[in-house]
PDB file of N, CA and C in Angstrom:
ATOM      1  N   MET A   1      18.551  62.459   0.710  1.00  0.00           N
ATOM      2  CA  MET A   1      19.290  61.370   0.161  1.00  0.00           C
ATOM      3  C   MET A   1      19.885  61.798  -1.107  1.00  0.00           C
ATOM      4  N   ASP A   2      21.006  61.411  -1.426  1.00  0.00           N
ATOM      5  CA  ASP A   2      21.581  61.742  -2.818  1.00  0.00           C
ATOM      6  C   ASP A   2      20.821  60.852  -3.813  1.00  0.00           C
ATOM      7  N   THR A   3      20.761  61.359  -5.015  1.00  0.00           N
ATOM      8  CA  THR A   3      20.142  60.585  -6.084  1.00  0.00           C
ATOM      9  C   THR A   3      20.897  59.304  -6.441  1.00  0.00           C
ATOM     10  N   THR A   4      22.266  59.276  -6.309  1.00  0.00           N
ATOM     11  CA  THR A   4      23.021  58.050  -6.611  1.00  0.00           C
ATOM     12  C   THR A   4      22.592  56.941  -5.583  1.00  0.00           C
ATOM     13  N   VAL A   5      22.552  57.287  -4.405  1.00  0.00           N
ATOM     14  CA  VAL A   5      22.185  56.263  -3.390  1.00  0.00           C
ATOM     15  C   VAL A   5      20.755  55.692  -3.551  1.00  0.00           C
ATOM     16  N   VAL A   6      19.724  56.578  -3.856  1.00  0.00           N
ATOM     17  CA  VAL A   6      18.405  56.142  -4.047  1.00  0.00           C
ATOM     18  C   VAL A   6      18.379  55.260  -5.387  1.00  0.00           C
ATOM     19  N   ILE A   7      19.090  55.536  -6.547  1.00  0.00           N
ATOM     20  CA  ILE A   7      19.302  54.566  -7.617  1.00  0.00           C
ATOM     21  C   ILE A   7      20.013  53.214  -7.201  1.00  0.00           C
ATOM     22  N   ILE A   8      21.045  53.352  -6.418  1.00  0.00           N
ATOM     23  CA  ILE A   8      21.565  52.117  -5.960  1.00  0.00           C
ATOM     24  C   ILE A   8      20.785  51.230  -5.153  1.00  0.00           C
ATOM     25  N   LEU A   9      19.938  51.835  -4.252  1.00  0.00           N
ATOM     26  CA  LEU A   9      19.016  51.147  -3.502  1.00  0.00           C
ATOM     27  C   LEU A   9      17.908  50.489  -4.370  1.00  0.00           C
ATOM     28  N   ILE A  10      17.394  51.147  -5.350  1.00  0.00           N
ATOM     29  CA  ILE A  10      16.416  50.753  -6.318  1.00  0.00           C
ATOM     30  C   ILE A  10      16.995  49.503  -7.023  1.00  0.00           C
ATOM     31  N   ILE A  11      18.119  49.700  -7.551  1.00  0.00           N
ATOM     32  CA  ILE A  11      18.835  48.612  -8.360  1.00  0.00           C
ATOM     33  C   ILE A  11      19.049  47.367  -7.371  1.00  0.00           C
ATOM     34  N   ALA A  12      19.462  47.600  -6.200  1.00  0.00           N
ATOM     35  CA  ALA A  12      19.574  46.537  -5.217  1.00  0.00           C
ATOM     36  C   ALA A  12      18.377  45.807  -4.975  1.00  0.00           C
ATOM     37  N   ALA A  13      17.256  46.608  -4.715  1.00  0.00           N
ATOM     38  CA  ALA A  13      16.003  46.028  -4.487  1.00  0.00           C
ATOM     39  C   ALA A  13      15.538  45.208  -5.723  1.00  0.00           C
ATOM     40  N   VAL A  14      15.735  45.691  -6.978  1.00  0.00           N
ATOM     41  CA  VAL A  14      15.336  44.876  -8.234  1.00  0.00           C
ATOM     42  C   VAL A  14      16.157  43.543  -8.233  1.00  0.00           C
ATOM     43  N   ILE A  15      17.375  43.668  -7.900  1.00  0.00           N
ATOM     44  CA  ILE A  15      18.409  42.545  -7.970  1.00  0.00           C
ATOM     45  C   ILE A  15      17.779  41.465  -6.910  1.00  0.00           C
ATOM     46  N   VAL A  16      17.484  41.960  -5.737  1.00  0.00           N
ATOM     47  CA  VAL A  16      16.998  40.975  -4.714  1.00  0.00           C
ATOM     48  C   VAL A  16      15.737  40.411  -5.054  1.00  0.00           C
ATOM     49  N   LEU A  17      14.787  41.247  -5.682  1.00  0.00           N
ATOM     50  CA  LEU A  17      13.538  40.685  -6.206  1.00  0.00           C
ATOM     51  C   LEU A  17      13.726  39.655  -7.372  1.00  0.00           C
ATOM     52  N   ALA A  18      14.656  39.921  -8.183  1.00  0.00           N
ATOM     53  CA  ALA A  18      15.032  39.162  -9.311  1.00  0.00           C
ATOM     54  C   ALA A  18      15.571  37.664  -8.734  1.00  0.00           C
ATOM     55  N   ILE A  19      16.393  37.780  -7.854  1.00  0.00           N
ATOM     56  CA  ILE A  19      17.017  36.638  -7.100  1.00  0.00           C
ATOM     57  C   ILE A  19      15.900  35.852  -6.537  1.00  0.00           C
ATOM     58  N   SER A  20      15.025  36.539  -5.785  1.00  0.00           N
ATOM     59  CA  SER A  20      13.945  35.795  -5.055  1.00  0.00           C
ATOM     60  C   SER A  20      12.980  35.121  -6.000  1.00  0.00           C
ATOM     61  N   ALA A  21      12.688  35.726  -7.256  1.00  0.00           N
ATOM     62  CA  ALA A  21      11.759  35.181  -8.138  1.00  0.00           C
ATOM     63  C   ALA A  21      12.430  33.897  -8.709  1.00  0.00           C
ATOM     64  N   TYR A  22      13.733  34.018  -9.077  1.00  0.00           N
ATOM     65  CA  TYR A  22      14.493  32.953  -9.611  1.00  0.00           C
ATOM     66  C   TYR A  22      14.478  31.683  -8.746  1.00  0.00           C
ATOM     67  N   LEU A  23      14.796  32.002  -7.283  1.00  0.00           N
ATOM     68  CA  LEU A  23      14.790  30.951  -6.337  1.00  0.00           C
ATOM     69  C   LEU A  23      13.452  30.407  -6.215  1.00  0.00           C
ATOM     70  N   MET A  24      12.345  30.996  -6.187  1.00  0.00           N
ATOM     71  CA  MET A  24      11.004  30.521  -6.111  1.00  0.00           C
ATOM     72  C   MET A  24      10.705  29.600  -7.180  1.00  0.00           C
ATOM     73  N   ARG A  25      11.148  30.052  -8.492  1.00  0.00           N
ATOM     74  CA  ARG A  25      10.905  29.299  -9.600  1.00  0.00           C
ATOM     75  C   ARG A  25      11.577  27.904  -9.565  1.00  0.00           C
ATOM     76  N   GLN A  26      12.794  27.931  -9.134  1.00  0.00           N
ATOM     77  CA  GLN A  26      13.653  26.700  -8.928  1.00  0.00           C
ATOM     78  C   GLN A  26      13.030  25.790  -7.838  1.00  0.00           C
ATOM     79  N   GLN A  27      12.488  26.431  -6.864  1.00  0.00           N
ATOM     80  CA  GLN A  27      11.798  25.595  -5.776  1.00  0.00           C
ATOM     81  C   GLN A  27      10.621  24.960  -6.339  1.00  0.00           C
ATOM     82  N   GLN A  28       9.823  25.819  -7.066  1.00  0.00           N
ATOM     83  CA  GLN A  28       8.609  25.374  -7.715  1.00  0.00           C
ATOM     84  C   GLN A  28       8.972  24.148  -8.751  1.00  0.00           C
ATOM     85  N   ALA A  29       9.911  24.305  -9.497  1.00  0.00           N
ATOM     86  CA  ALA A  29      10.342  23.227 -10.458  1.00  0.00           C
ATOM     87  C   ALA A  29      10.818  21.942  -9.902  1.00  0.00           C
ATOM     88  N   ARG A  30      11.441  22.112  -8.691  1.00  0.00           N
ATOM     89  CA  ARG A  30      11.837  20.776  -7.792  1.00  0.00           C
ATOM     90  C   ARG A  30      10.583  20.126  -7.346  1.00  0.00           C
ATOM     91  N   LYS A  31       9.627  20.952  -6.805  1.00  0.00           N
ATOM     92  CA  LYS A  31       8.298  20.318  -6.305  1.00  0.00           C
ATOM     93  C   LYS A  31       7.544  19.635  -7.509  1.00  0.00           C
ATOM     94  N   VAL A  32       7.506  20.203  -8.690  1.00  0.00           N
ATOM     95  CA  VAL A  32       6.820  19.685  -9.837  1.00  0.00           C
ATOM     96  C   VAL A  32       7.632  18.323 -10.228  1.00  0.00           C
ATOM     97  N   GLU A  33       8.912  18.337 -10.240  1.00  0.00           N
ATOM     98  CA  GLU A  33       9.642  17.134 -10.539  1.00  0.00           C
ATOM     99  C   GLU A  33       9.412  16.066  -9.454  1.00  0.00           C
ATOM    100  N   GLU A  34       9.340  16.359  -8.300  1.00  0.00           N
ATOM    101  CA  GLU A  34       9.062  15.482  -7.213  1.00  0.00           C
ATOM    102  C   GLU A  34       7.634  14.872  -7.319  1.00  0.00           C
ATOM    103  N   ARG A  35       6.660  15.699  -7.637  1.00  0.00           N
ATOM    104  CA  ARG A  35       5.342  15.235  -7.848  1.00  0.00           C
ATOM    105  C   ARG A  35       5.260  14.254  -9.010  1.00  0.00           C
ATOM    106  N   ARG A  36       6.106  14.505  -9.944  1.00  0.00           N
ATOM    107  CA  ARG A  36       6.082  13.660 -11.172  1.00  0.00           C
ATOM    108  C   ARG A  36       6.750  12.204 -10.723  1.00  0.00           C
ATOM    109  N   GLY A  37       7.683  12.314  -9.894  1.00  0.00           N
ATOM    110  CA  GLY A  37       8.288  11.116  -9.518  1.00  0.00           C
ATOM    111  C   GLY A  37       7.310  10.279  -8.614  1.00  0.00           C
ATOM    112  N   GLU A  38       6.598  10.990  -7.754  1.00  0.00           N
ATOM    113  CA  GLU A  38       5.543  10.243  -7.015  1.00  0.00           C
ATOM    114  C   GLU A  38       4.467   9.802  -7.856  1.00  0.00           C
ATOM    115  N   ALA A  39       4.068  10.515  -8.902  1.00  0.00           N
ATOM    116  CA  ALA A  39       3.092  10.008  -9.688  1.00  0.00           C
ATOM    117  C   ALA A  39       3.531   8.642 -10.594  1.00  0.00           C
ATOM    118  N   ALA A  40       4.709   8.645 -10.915  1.00  0.00           N
ATOM    119  CA  ALA A  40       5.306   7.432 -11.683  1.00  0.00           C
ATOM    120  C   ALA A  40       5.333   6.337 -10.684  1.00  0.00           C
ATOM    121  N   GLY A  41       5.720   6.623  -9.467  1.00  0.00           N
ATOM    122  CA  GLY A  41       5.596   5.505  -8.567  1.00  0.00           C
ATOM    123  C   GLY A  41       4.231   4.968  -8.279  1.00  0.00           C
ATOM    124  N   THR A  42       3.260   5.767  -8.232  1.00  0.00           N
ATOM    125  CA  THR A  42       1.898   5.469  -7.943  1.00  0.00           C
ATOM    126  C   THR A  42       1.380   4.663  -9.280  1.00  0.00           C
ATOM    127  N   ARG A  43       1.807   5.051 -10.383  1.00  0.00           N
ATOM    128  CA  ARG A  43       1.398   4.423 -11.735  1.00  0.00           C
ATOM    129  C   ARG A  43       2.005   2.972 -11.644  1.00  0.00           C
ATOM    130  N   ASP A  44       3.235   2.940 -11.154  1.00  0.00           N
ATOM    131  CA  ASP A  44       3.842   1.563 -11.104  1.00  0.00           C
ATOM    132  C   ASP A  44       3.080   0.700 -10.240  1.00  0.00           C
ATOM    133  N   GLU A  45       2.756   1.153  -9.035  1.00  0.00           N
ATOM    134  CA  GLU A  45       2.076   0.554  -8.043  1.00  0.00           C
ATOM    135  C   GLU A  45       0.660   0.077  -8.703  1.00  0.00           C
ATOM    136  N   ALA A  46      -0.010   0.928  -9.253  1.00  0.00           N
ATOM    137  CA  ALA A  46      -1.277   0.552  -9.941  1.00  0.00           C
ATOM    138  C   ALA A  46      -1.158  -0.523 -10.939  1.00  0.00           C
ATOM    139  N   ARG A  47      -0.146  -0.463 -11.784  1.00  0.00           N
ATOM    140  CA  ARG A  47       0.004  -1.612 -12.751  1.00  0.00           C
ATOM    141  C   ARG A  47       0.284  -2.862 -12.025  1.00  0.00           C
ATOM    142  N   ALA A  48       1.104  -2.913 -11.001  1.00  0.00           N
ATOM    143  CA  ALA A  48       1.373  -4.126 -10.282  1.00  0.00           C
ATOM    144  C   ALA A  48       0.045  -4.673  -9.707  1.00  0.00           C
ATOM    145  N   THR A  49      -0.652  -3.802  -9.100  1.00  0.00           N
ATOM    146  CA  THR A  49      -2.074  -4.235  -8.574  1.00  0.00           C
ATOM    147  C   THR A  49      -2.930  -4.778  -9.591  1.00  0.00           C
ATOM    148  N   GLU A  50      -2.942  -4.096 -10.734  1.00  0.00           N
ATOM    149  CA  GLU A  50      -3.745  -4.489 -11.836  1.00  0.00           C
ATOM    150  C   GLU A  50      -3.310  -5.951 -12.297  1.00  0.00           C
ATOM    151  N   ARG A  51      -2.070  -6.169 -12.312  1.00  0.00           N
ATOM    152  CA  ARG A  51      -1.476  -7.529 -12.742  1.00  0.00           C
ATOM    153  C   ARG A  51      -1.905  -8.638 -11.825  1.00  0.00           C
ATOM    154  N   ARG A  52      -1.818  -8.314 -10.430  1.00  0.00           N
ATOM    155  CA  ARG A  52      -2.207  -9.209  -9.344  1.00  0.00           C
ATOM    156  C   ARG A  52      -3.709  -9.475  -9.390  1.00  0.00           C
ATOM    157  N   ALA A  53      -4.548  -8.465  -9.800  1.00  0.00           N
ATOM    158  CA  ALA A  53      -6.013  -8.728  -9.972  1.00  0.00           C
ATOM    159  C   ALA A  53      -6.222  -9.503 -11.135  1.00  0.00           C
ATOM    160  N   GLU A  54      -5.514  -9.326 -12.140  1.00  0.00           N
ATOM    161  CA  GLU A  54      -5.755 -10.068 -13.392  1.00  0.00           C
ATOM    162  C   GLU A  54      -5.545 -11.662 -13.090  1.00  0.00           C
ATOM    163  N   GLN A  55      -4.464 -11.862 -12.449  1.00  0.00           N
ATOM    164  CA  GLN A  55      -3.991 -13.044 -12.075  1.00  0.00           C
ATOM    165  C   GLN A  55      -4.983 -13.801 -11.132  1.00  0.00           C
ATOM    166  N   ALA A  56      -5.461 -13.086 -10.173  1.00  0.00           N
ATOM    167  CA  ALA A  56      -6.550 -13.579  -9.307  1.00  0.00           C
ATOM    168  C   ALA A  56      -7.704 -13.919 -10.048  1.00  0.00           C
ATOM    169  N   ARG A  57      -8.119 -13.120 -11.102  1.00  0.00           N
ATOM    170  CA  ARG A  57      -9.269 -13.311 -11.749  1.00  0.00           C
ATOM    171  C   ARG A  57      -9.152 -14.657 -12.672  1.00  0.00           C
ATOM    172  N   LEU A  58      -7.907 -14.778 -13.288  1.00  0.00           N
ATOM    173  CA  LEU A  58      -7.720 -16.022 -14.045  1.00  0.00           C
ATOM    174  C   LEU A  58      -7.697 -17.357 -13.188  1.00  0.00           C
ATOM    175  N   GLN A  59      -7.051 -17.188 -11.954  1.00  0.00           N
ATOM    176  CA  GLN A  59      -7.262 -18.314 -10.983  1.00  0.00           C
ATOM    177  C   GLN A  59      -8.613 -18.599 -10.673  1.00  0.00           C
ATOM    178  N   ALA A  60      -9.398 -17.556 -10.431  1.00  0.00           N
ATOM    179  CA  ALA A  60     -10.793 -17.814  -9.964  1.00  0.00           C
ATOM    180  C   ALA A  60     -11.576 -18.502 -11.118  1.00  0.00           C
ATOM    181  N   GLU A  61     -11.316 -18.140 -12.399  1.00  0.00           N
ATOM    182  CA  GLU A  61     -12.072 -18.681 -13.482  1.00  0.00           C
ATOM    183  C   GLU A  61     -11.546 -20.224 -13.612  1.00  0.00           C
ATOM    184  N   GLU A  62     -10.272 -20.400 -13.406  1.00  0.00           N
ATOM    185  CA  GLU A  62      -9.761 -21.821 -13.504  1.00  0.00           C
ATOM    186  C   GLU A  62     -10.457 -22.586 -12.281  1.00  0.00           C
ATOM    187  N   GLN A  63     -10.431 -22.030 -11.252  1.00  0.00           N
ATOM    188  CA  GLN A  63     -11.106 -22.773 -10.084  1.00  0.00           C
ATOM    189  C   GLN A  63     -12.629 -23.047 -10.364  1.00  0.00           C
ATOM    190  N   ALA A  64     -13.288 -22.151 -10.850  1.00  0.00           N
ATOM    191  CA  ALA A  64     -14.756 -22.204 -11.257  1.00  0.00           C
ATOM    192  C   ALA A  64     -14.914 -23.404 -12.201  1.00  0.00           C
ATOM    193  N   GLU A  65     -14.008 -23.424 -13.231  1.00  0.00           N
ATOM    194  CA  GLU A  65     -14.068 -24.521 -14.187  1.00  0.00           C
ATOM    195  C   GLU A  65     -13.807 -25.879 -13.731  1.00  0.00           C
ATOM    196  N   ARG A  66     -12.893 -25.902 -12.705  1.00  0.00           N
ATOM    197  CA  ARG A  66     -12.597 -27.209 -11.979  1.00  0.00           C
ATOM    198  C   ARG A  66     -13.913 -27.527 -11.252  1.00  0.00           C
ATOM    199  N   ALA A  67     -14.414 -26.614 -10.564  1.00  0.00           N
ATOM    200  CA  ALA A  67     -15.559 -26.905  -9.799  1.00  0.00           C
ATOM    201  C   ALA A  67     -16.636 -27.425 -10.637  1.00  0.00           C
ATOM    202  N   LYS A  68     -16.850 -26.869 -11.734  1.00  0.00           N
ATOM    203  CA  LYS A  68     -18.016 -27.250 -12.656  1.00  0.00           C
ATOM    204  C   LYS A  68     -17.588 -28.732 -13.201  1.00  0.00           C
ATOM    205  N   ARG A  69     -16.438 -28.960 -13.605  1.00  0.00           N
ATOM    206  CA  ARG A  69     -16.000 -30.412 -13.896  1.00  0.00           C
ATOM    207  C   ARG A  69     -16.312 -31.419 -12.852  1.00  0.00           C
ATOM    208  N   GLU A  70     -15.967 -31.098 -11.573  1.00  0.00           N
ATOM    209  CA  GLU A  70     -16.128 -31.909 -10.504  1.00  0.00           C
ATOM    210  C   GLU A  70     -17.601 -32.154 -10.170  1.00  0.00           C
ATOM    211  N   ARG A  71     -18.540 -30.870 -10.252  1.00  0.00           N
ATOM    212  CA  ARG A  71     -19.950 -31.147 -10.077  1.00  0.00           C
ATOM    213  C   ARG A  71     -20.478 -32.110 -11.182  1.00  0.00           C
ATOM    214  N   GLU A  72     -20.085 -31.990 -12.453  1.00  0.00           N
ATOM    215  CA  GLU A  72     -20.558 -32.821 -13.538  1.00  0.00           C
ATOM    216  C   GLU A  72     -20.111 -34.245 -13.376  1.00  0.00           C
ATOM    217  N   ALA A  73     -18.850 -34.370 -12.758  1.00  0.00           N
ATOM    218  CA  ALA A  73     -18.423 -35.873 -12.567  1.00  0.00           C
ATOM    219  C   ALA A  73     -19.386 -36.291 -11.399  1.00  0.00           C
ATOM    220  N   ALA A  74     -19.576 -35.574 -10.298  1.00  0.00           N
ATOM    221  CA  ALA A  74     -20.406 -36.032  -9.131  1.00  0.00           C
ATOM    222  C   ALA A  74     -21.715 -36.344  -9.673  1.00  0.00           C
ATOM    223  N   ASN A  75     -22.295 -35.542 -10.524  1.00  0.00           N
ATOM    224  CA  ASN A  75     -23.797 -35.961 -11.103  1.00  0.00           C
ATOM    225  C   ASN A  75     -23.705 -37.171 -11.956  1.00  0.00           C
ATOM    226  N   GLU A  76     -22.632 -37.318 -12.534  1.00  0.00           N
ATOM    227  CA  GLU A  76     -22.577 -38.765 -13.484  1.00  0.00           C
ATOM    228  C   GLU A  76     -22.470 -39.761 -12.540  1.00  0.00           C
ATOM    229  N   LEU A  77     -21.476 -39.692 -11.388  1.00  0.00           N
ATOM    230  CA  LEU A  77     -21.504 -40.768 -10.601  1.00  0.00           C
ATOM    231  C   LEU A  77     -22.817 -41.116  -9.749  1.00  0.00           C
ATOM    232  N   ASN A  78     -23.508 -40.069  -9.508  1.00  0.00           N
ATOM    233  CA  ASN A  78     -24.845 -40.193  -8.875  1.00  0.00           C
ATOM    234  C   ASN A  78     -25.828 -40.834  -9.828  1.00  0.00           C
ATOM    235  N   ARG A  79     -25.766 -40.570 -11.099  1.00  0.00           N
ATOM    236  CA  ARG A  79     -26.681 -41.170 -12.021  1.00  0.00           C
ATOM    237  C   ARG A  79     -26.396 -42.586 -12.261  1.00  0.00           C
ATOM    238  N   LYS A  80     -25.081 -42.935 -12.201  1.00  0.00           N
ATOM    239  CA  LYS A  80     -24.599 -44.315 -12.357  1.00  0.00           C
ATOM    240  C   LYS A  80     -25.079 -45.222 -11.270  1.00  0.00           C
ATOM    241  N   ALA A  81     -24.925 -44.559  -9.887  1.00  0.00           N
ATOM    242  CA  ALA A  81     -25.294 -45.158  -8.681  1.00  0.00           C
ATOM    243  C   ALA A  81     -26.803 -45.468  -8.700  1.00  0.00           C
ATOM    244  N   ASP A  82     -27.596 -44.459  -9.131  1.00  0.00           N
ATOM    245  CA  ASP A  82     -28.974 -44.630  -9.241  1.00  0.00           C
ATOM    246  C   ASP A  82     -29.399 -45.693 -10.309  1.00  0.00           C
ATOM    247  N   GLU A  83     -28.658 -45.850 -11.270  1.00  0.00           N
ATOM    248  CA  GLU A  83     -28.810 -46.997 -12.368  1.00  0.00           C
ATOM    249  C   GLU A  83     -28.673 -48.288 -11.675  1.00  0.00           C
ATOM    250  N   LEU A  84     -27.545 -48.301 -10.819  1.00  0.00           N
ATOM    251  CA  LEU A  84     -27.137 -49.726 -10.083  1.00  0.00           C
ATOM    252  C   LEU A  84     -28.116 -50.052  -9.094  1.00  0.00           C
ATOM    253  N   ASP A  85     -28.653 -49.024  -8.424  1.00  0.00           N
ATOM    254  CA  ASP A  85     -29.321 -49.155  -7.103  1.00  0.00           C
ATOM    255  C   ASP A  85     -30.653 -49.816  -7.438  1.00  0.00           C
ATOM    256  N   PRO A  86     -30.941 -51.086  -6.823  1.00  0.00           N
ATOM    257  CA  PRO A  86     -32.282 -51.579  -7.251  1.00  0.00           C
ATOM    258  C   PRO A  86     -33.412 -51.025  -6.360  1.00  0.00           C
ATOM    259  N   ASP A  87     -32.985 -50.170  -5.458  1.00  0.00           N
ATOM    260  CA  ASP A  87     -34.093 -49.524  -4.629  1.00  0.00           C
ATOM    261  C   ASP A  87     -34.546 -48.132  -5.200  1.00  0.00           C
ATOM    262  N   VAL A  88     -33.871 -47.833  -6.104  1.00  0.00           N
ATOM    263  CA  VAL A  88     -34.273 -46.386  -6.874  1.00  0.00           C
ATOM    264  C   VAL A  88     -35.388 -46.748  -7.859  1.00  0.00           C
ATOM    265  N   ASP A  89     -36.554 -45.874  -7.783  1.00  0.00           N
ATOM    266  CA  ASP A  89     -37.532 -46.106  -8.677  1.00  0.00           C
ATOM    267  C   ASP A  89     -37.131 -45.678 -10.134  1.00  0.00           C
ATOM    268  N   ASP A  90     -37.564 -46.174 -11.091  1.00  0.00           N
ATOM    269  CA  ASP A  90     -37.337 -45.873 -12.460  1.00  0.00           C
ATOM    270  C   ASP A  90     -37.787 -44.497 -12.689  1.00  0.00           C
ATOM    271  N   ASP A  91     -38.848 -43.985 -12.028  1.00  0.00           N
ATOM    272  CA  ASP A  91     -39.272 -42.611 -12.286  1.00  0.00           C
ATOM    273  C   ASP A  91     -38.191 -41.532 -11.727  1.00  0.00           C
ATOM    274  N   ALA A  92     -37.509 -41.920 -10.639  1.00  0.00           N
ATOM    275  CA  ALA A  92     -36.712 -40.997  -9.844  1.00  0.00           C
ATOM    276  C   ALA A  92     -35.310 -40.924 -10.702  1.00  0.00           C
ATOM    277  N   ARG A  93     -35.193 -41.805 -11.742  1.00  0.00           N
ATOM    278  CA  ARG A  93     -33.989 -41.893 -12.472  1.00  0.00           C
ATOM    279  C   ARG A  93     -34.044 -40.892 -13.636  1.00  0.00           C
ATOM    280  N   THR A  94     -33.223 -39.833 -13.671  1.00  0.00           N
ATOM    281  CA  THR A  94     -33.200 -38.911 -14.798  1.00  0.00           C
ATOM    282  C   THR A  94     -31.829 -38.456 -15.280  1.00  0.00           C
TER     283      THR A  94
END
């Protein structure tokens, strides 16, 4: 083979390798950007879930407070009923 042909083949091989490396980097950069987008979506979903959980917690606390007030009201009514009931012993009244 002529030296010129060998040099041309080597240059062509280097160019092909450089183009391949460039394309691989581009593809890798696209994948990284895609994963960033997925991560952002997952973070948004996590924040929404966290907000829903906080709302549920607050509602549960409010419901527990309502239940406590209702229980206290029921106890008070029972106490009043015991005071009014002539059949209830004085010792049972507390």
